[in-house]
């Protein structure tokens, strides 16, 4: 039997579902403010596959990817840069926040996301 291709769409969908189930607290907190149009009426997807990567949050109408970087990202700077270049090569913008920024001022992060999408938060 051939091992599953990690870049195959079905595998990426399964990976995204697993990431949703296992989301860390900062992602769950931000999702509570982005879901169901709560951020300026914008529609966000959570753990959305983009090629071989899974974006933390994605707004199709604004073509914006929002990434939350926890402590583990301190050692993956080069990999994060490759990932960001790949996503941007698809015509998407990437907005990054650290978990500390989010936990320190959730309202400011949500406002920054709304502004990046060209919308004022309601």
C-alpha atoms as a PDB file:
ATOM      1  CA  UNK A   1       0.000   0.000   0.000  1.00  0.00           C
ATOM      2  CA  UNK A   2       1.284   3.461  -0.917  1.00  0.00           C
ATOM      3  CA  UNK A   3       1.576   5.939   1.974  1.00  0.00           C
ATOM      4  CA  UNK A   4      -0.797   8.910   1.740  1.00  0.00           C
ATOM      5  CA  UNK A   5       0.520  11.958  -0.081  1.00  0.00           C
ATOM      6  CA  UNK A   6       0.619  14.767   2.514  1.00  0.00           C
ATOM      7  CA  UNK A   7      -0.127  17.325  -0.230  1.00  0.00           C
ATOM      8  CA  UNK A   8      -3.227  15.544  -1.506  1.00  0.00           C
ATOM      9  CA  UNK A   9      -6.426  17.567  -0.925  1.00  0.00           C
ATOM     10  CA  UNK A  10      -8.165  14.834   1.046  1.00  0.00           C
ATOM     11  CA  UNK A  11      -5.197  14.555   3.402  1.00  0.00           C
ATOM     12  CA  UNK A  12      -5.103  18.336   3.876  1.00  0.00           C
ATOM     13  CA  UNK A  13      -8.820  18.448   4.688  1.00  0.00           C
ATOM     14  CA  UNK A  14      -8.350  15.732   7.303  1.00  0.00           C
ATOM     15  CA  UNK A  15      -5.353  17.633   8.718  1.00  0.00           C
ATOM     16  CA  UNK A  16      -7.401  20.860   8.891  1.00  0.00           C
ATOM     17  CA  UNK A  17     -10.177  19.053  10.765  1.00  0.00           C
ATOM     18  CA  UNK A  18      -7.659  17.679  13.248  1.00  0.00           C
ATOM     19  CA  UNK A  19      -6.174  21.153  13.782  1.00  0.00           C
ATOM     20  CA  UNK A  20      -9.667  22.565  14.438  1.00  0.00           C
ATOM     21  CA  UNK A  21     -10.320  19.909  17.064  1.00  0.00           C
ATOM     22  CA  UNK A  22      -6.940  20.448  18.722  1.00  0.00           C
ATOM     23  CA  UNK A  23      -6.867  24.256  18.502  1.00  0.00           C
ATOM     24  CA  UNK A  24      -4.887  25.984  21.253  1.00  0.00           C
ATOM     25  CA  UNK A  25      -6.594  28.534  23.470  1.00  0.00           C
ATOM     26  CA  UNK A  26      -5.423  31.670  21.561  1.00  0.00           C
ATOM     27  CA  UNK A  27      -6.864  30.310  18.294  1.00  0.00           C
ATOM     28  CA  UNK A  28     -10.158  29.409  19.956  1.00  0.00           C
ATOM     29  CA  UNK A  29     -10.304  32.883  21.498  1.00  0.00           C
ATOM     30  CA  UNK A  30      -9.715  34.664  18.181  1.00  0.00           C
ATOM     31  CA  UNK A  31     -12.189  32.353  16.439  1.00  0.00           C
ATOM     32  CA  UNK A  32     -14.851  33.427  18.947  1.00  0.00           C
ATOM     33  CA  UNK A  33     -14.409  36.987  17.603  1.00  0.00           C
ATOM     34  CA  UNK A  34     -14.120  36.132  13.889  1.00  0.00           C
ATOM     35  CA  UNK A  35     -16.781  33.480  13.402  1.00  0.00           C
ATOM     36  CA  UNK A  36     -20.248  34.113  12.045  1.00  0.00           C
ATOM     37  CA  UNK A  37     -19.463  37.585  10.700  1.00  0.00           C
ATOM     38  CA  UNK A  38     -18.649  38.997  14.155  1.00  0.00           C
ATOM     39  CA  UNK A  39     -15.698  40.945  12.735  1.00  0.00           C
ATOM     40  CA  UNK A  40     -17.218  43.689  10.580  1.00  0.00           C
ATOM     41  CA  UNK A  41     -19.533  41.200   8.902  1.00  0.00           C
ATOM     42  CA  UNK A  42     -16.582  39.382   7.297  1.00  0.00           C
ATOM     43  CA  UNK A  43     -16.699  35.635   6.696  1.00  0.00           C
ATOM     44  CA  UNK A  44     -13.662  33.758   7.962  1.00  0.00           C
ATOM     45  CA  UNK A  45     -12.713  30.120   7.647  1.00  0.00           C
ATOM     46  CA  UNK A  46     -10.707  28.414  10.349  1.00  0.00           C
ATOM     47  CA  UNK A  47      -7.823  26.033   9.576  1.00  0.00           C
ATOM     48  CA  UNK A  48      -8.240  26.430   5.829  1.00  0.00           C
ATOM     49  CA  UNK A  49      -5.994  24.376   3.487  1.00  0.00           C
ATOM     50  CA  UNK A  50      -3.955  26.416   0.993  1.00  0.00           C
ATOM     51  CA  UNK A  51      -1.822  24.097  -1.083  1.00  0.00           C
ATOM     52  CA  UNK A  52       0.366  22.058   1.252  1.00  0.00           C
ATOM     53  CA  UNK A  53      -0.250  24.422   4.180  1.00  0.00           C
ATOM     54  CA  UNK A  54      -3.161  25.080   6.532  1.00  0.00           C
ATOM     55  CA  UNK A  55      -3.883  28.728   7.323  1.00  0.00           C
ATOM     56  CA  UNK A  56      -5.098  29.508  10.835  1.00  0.00           C
ATOM     57  CA  UNK A  57      -7.817  31.867   9.526  1.00  0.00           C
ATOM     58  CA  UNK A  58      -8.780  32.851   5.990  1.00  0.00           C
ATOM     59  CA  UNK A  59     -11.120  35.524   4.624  1.00  0.00           C
ATOM     60  CA  UNK A  60     -11.852  34.780   0.966  1.00  0.00           C
ATOM     61  CA  UNK A  61     -13.576  38.093   0.215  1.00  0.00           C
ATOM     62  CA  UNK A  62     -10.525  40.052   1.425  1.00  0.00           C
ATOM     63  CA  UNK A  63      -7.977  37.428   0.311  1.00  0.00           C
ATOM     64  CA  UNK A  64      -6.426  37.663   3.772  1.00  0.00           C
ATOM     65  CA  UNK A  65      -4.743  34.939   5.815  1.00  0.00           C
ATOM     66  CA  UNK A  66      -4.387  35.537   9.556  1.00  0.00           C
ATOM     67  CA  UNK A  67      -1.683  33.542  11.316  1.00  0.00           C
ATOM     68  CA  UNK A  68      -1.221  33.209  15.061  1.00  0.00           C
ATOM     69  CA  UNK A  69       2.323  32.402  16.097  1.00  0.00           C
ATOM     70  CA  UNK A  70       2.915  30.681  19.394  1.00  0.00           C
ATOM     71  CA  UNK A  71       6.225  29.970  21.106  1.00  0.00           C
ATOM     72  CA  UNK A  72       7.015  27.139  18.664  1.00  0.00           C
ATOM     73  CA  UNK A  73       7.328  29.676  15.837  1.00  0.00           C
ATOM     74  CA  UNK A  74      10.419  31.186  17.493  1.00  0.00           C
ATOM     75  CA  UNK A  75      12.414  28.242  16.105  1.00  0.00           C
ATOM     76  CA  UNK A  76      10.696  27.988  12.705  1.00  0.00           C
ATOM     77  CA  UNK A  77      11.386  31.433  11.252  1.00  0.00           C
ATOM     78  CA  UNK A  78      12.839  30.102   7.980  1.00  0.00           C
ATOM     79  CA  UNK A  79       9.971  27.645   7.479  1.00  0.00           C
ATOM     80  CA  UNK A  80       7.430  30.374   8.257  1.00  0.00           C
ATOM     81  CA  UNK A  81       9.029  32.602   5.609  1.00  0.00           C
ATOM     82  CA  UNK A  82       8.783  29.851   2.966  1.00  0.00           C
ATOM     83  CA  UNK A  83       5.162  29.256   3.965  1.00  0.00           C
ATOM     84  CA  UNK A  84       4.347  32.974   3.765  1.00  0.00           C
ATOM     85  CA  UNK A  85       5.980  33.288   0.331  1.00  0.00           C
ATOM     86  CA  UNK A  86       3.956  30.319  -0.910  1.00  0.00           C
ATOM     87  CA  UNK A  87       0.697  31.820   0.368  1.00  0.00           C
ATOM     88  CA  UNK A  88       1.507  35.262  -1.039  1.00  0.00           C
ATOM     89  CA  UNK A  89       2.379  33.694  -4.408  1.00  0.00           C
ATOM     90  CA  UNK A  90      -1.302  32.691  -4.540  1.00  0.00           C
ATOM     91  CA  UNK A  91      -2.308  36.365  -4.439  1.00  0.00           C
ATOM     92  CA  UNK A  92      -3.146  36.348  -0.735  1.00  0.00           C
ATOM     93  CA  UNK A  93      -1.989  38.703   2.017  1.00  0.00           C
ATOM     94  CA  UNK A  94      -0.710  37.382   5.334  1.00  0.00           C
ATOM     95  CA  UNK A  95      -1.228  39.123   8.659  1.00  0.00           C
ATOM     96  CA  UNK A  96       0.691  37.670  11.631  1.00  0.00           C
ATOM     97  CA  UNK A  97       0.180  38.089  15.350  1.00  0.00           C
ATOM     98  CA  UNK A  98       1.896  36.419  18.261  1.00  0.00           C
ATOM     99  CA  UNK A  99      -0.149  34.658  20.892  1.00  0.00           C
ATOM    100  CA  UNK A 100       1.137  37.243  23.374  1.00  0.00           C
ATOM    101  CA  UNK A 101      -0.182  40.123  21.234  1.00  0.00           C
ATOM    102  CA  UNK A 102      -3.563  38.428  21.001  1.00  0.00           C
ATOM    103  CA  UNK A 103      -3.813  37.626  24.690  1.00  0.00           C
ATOM    104  CA  UNK A 104      -2.554  41.090  25.644  1.00  0.00           C
ATOM    105  CA  UNK A 105      -5.044  43.026  23.540  1.00  0.00           C
ATOM    106  CA  UNK A 106      -7.646  40.962  21.709  1.00  0.00           C
ATOM    107  CA  UNK A 107      -9.680  44.014  20.700  1.00  0.00           C
ATOM    108  CA  UNK A 108      -6.676  45.643  18.985  1.00  0.00           C
ATOM    109  CA  UNK A 109      -5.943  42.439  17.053  1.00  0.00           C
ATOM    110  CA  UNK A 110      -9.556  42.179  15.866  1.00  0.00           C
ATOM    111  CA  UNK A 111      -9.517  45.868  14.846  1.00  0.00           C
ATOM    112  CA  UNK A 112      -6.267  45.347  12.906  1.00  0.00           C
ATOM    113  CA  UNK A 113      -7.803  42.391  11.083  1.00  0.00           C
ATOM    114  CA  UNK A 114     -10.920  44.398  10.188  1.00  0.00           C
ATOM    115  CA  UNK A 115      -8.769  47.279   8.929  1.00  0.00           C
ATOM    116  CA  UNK A 116      -6.592  44.932   6.874  1.00  0.00           C
ATOM    117  CA  UNK A 117      -9.779  43.663   5.256  1.00  0.00           C
ATOM    118  CA  UNK A 118     -10.791  47.230   4.430  1.00  0.00           C
ATOM    119  CA  UNK A 119     -13.647  47.222   6.920  1.00  0.00           C
ATOM    120  CA  UNK A 120     -14.276  49.064  10.138  1.00  0.00           C
ATOM    121  CA  UNK A 121     -15.294  46.789  12.989  1.00  0.00           C
ATOM    122  CA  UNK A 122     -18.957  47.158  13.901  1.00  0.00           C
END
